[in-house]
Amino acid sequence: MSKIPDIIEALGGATALAEHLGMAMTTVASWKARHSIPVEHWPKLLEIATSQGIDLSYEQLVHIHTAAPAD
């Protein structure tokens, strides 16, 4: 996964991820559109990824957030 939208889709899409996080789907959809997930949500994101057998790390999240966006 090299982009935020890829991560969100891998975790079930905006609706499913929002349910896991206990927030509005529009919030997660805005992250996808902005290609950015607030850092305070990263621990829960990694927890969800682990529970779904998805390989995701803090290092990957940092790299994705600091790399130039590629559409």
Protein backbone atom coordinates (compact mmCIF):
# COMPACT_ATOMS: atom_id res chain seq x y z
CA MET A 1 0.00 0.00 0.00
CA SER A 2 1.52 3.25 -1.08
CA LYS A 3 -1.32 5.74 -0.66
CA ILE A 4 -3.87 6.60 2.01
CA PRO A 5 -6.81 5.63 -0.24
CA ASP A 6 -5.19 2.18 -0.64
CA ILE A 7 -5.03 1.76 3.15
CA ILE A 8 -8.63 2.82 3.63
CA GLU A 9 -9.83 0.43 0.93
CA ALA A 10 -7.72 -2.43 2.34
CA LEU A 11 -9.37 -1.89 5.73
CA GLY A 12 -12.83 -2.29 4.19
CA GLY A 13 -13.50 1.15 2.74
CA ALA A 14 -14.60 4.40 4.34
CA THR A 15 -17.88 3.06 5.74
CA ALA A 16 -16.40 -0.04 7.39
CA LEU A 17 -13.37 1.82 8.73
CA ALA A 18 -15.57 4.58 10.15
CA GLU A 19 -17.65 1.95 11.96
CA HIS A 20 -14.50 0.39 13.44
CA LEU A 21 -13.31 3.81 14.58
CA GLY A 22 -16.72 4.93 15.86
CA MET A 23 -16.89 8.01 13.67
CA ALA A 24 -18.79 9.39 10.71
CA MET A 25 -18.12 7.88 7.30
CA THR A 26 -17.72 11.41 5.92
CA THR A 27 -14.72 11.93 8.21
CA VAL A 28 -12.93 8.88 6.84
CA ALA A 29 -13.95 9.80 3.29
CA SER A 30 -12.35 13.22 3.80
CA TRP A 31 -9.11 11.55 4.91
CA LYS A 32 -9.19 9.51 1.72
CA ALA A 33 -9.74 12.63 -0.40
CA ARG A 34 -6.97 14.56 1.42
CA HIS A 35 -4.58 11.59 1.37
CA SER A 36 -3.98 12.08 5.09
CA ILE A 37 -5.04 10.35 8.31
CA PRO A 38 -4.58 12.27 11.57
CA VAL A 39 -1.79 10.78 13.68
CA GLU A 40 -4.01 10.32 16.72
CA HIS A 41 -5.91 7.61 14.79
CA TRP A 42 -2.84 5.63 13.74
CA PRO A 43 -2.74 3.29 16.78
CA LYS A 44 -6.34 2.18 16.23
CA LEU A 45 -5.70 1.88 12.48
CA LEU A 46 -2.79 -0.47 13.15
CA GLU A 47 -4.92 -2.45 15.58
CA ILE A 48 -7.63 -2.87 12.94
CA ALA A 49 -5.08 -3.82 10.28
CA THR A 50 -3.53 -6.45 12.56
CA SER A 51 -6.94 -7.93 13.37
CA GLN A 52 -7.61 -8.27 9.63
CA GLY A 53 -4.21 -9.78 8.86
CA ILE A 54 -3.06 -6.68 6.97
CA ASP A 55 0.61 -5.72 7.15
CA LEU A 56 0.74 -2.05 8.15
CA SER A 57 3.26 -0.25 10.35
CA TYR A 58 3.96 3.18 11.81
CA GLU A 59 6.94 3.37 9.45
CA GLN A 60 4.69 2.83 6.42
CA LEU A 61 2.25 5.47 7.63
CA VAL A 62 5.07 7.98 8.16
CA HIS A 63 6.51 7.23 4.72
CA ILE A 64 3.13 7.60 3.00
CA HIS A 65 2.38 10.86 4.79
CA THR A 66 5.78 12.39 4.01
CA ALA A 67 6.06 11.26 0.38
CA ALA A 68 4.83 13.56 -2.34
CA PRO A 69 1.22 12.65 -3.23
CA ALA A 70 0.91 10.68 -6.44
CA ASP A 71 -2.53 10.44 -8.02
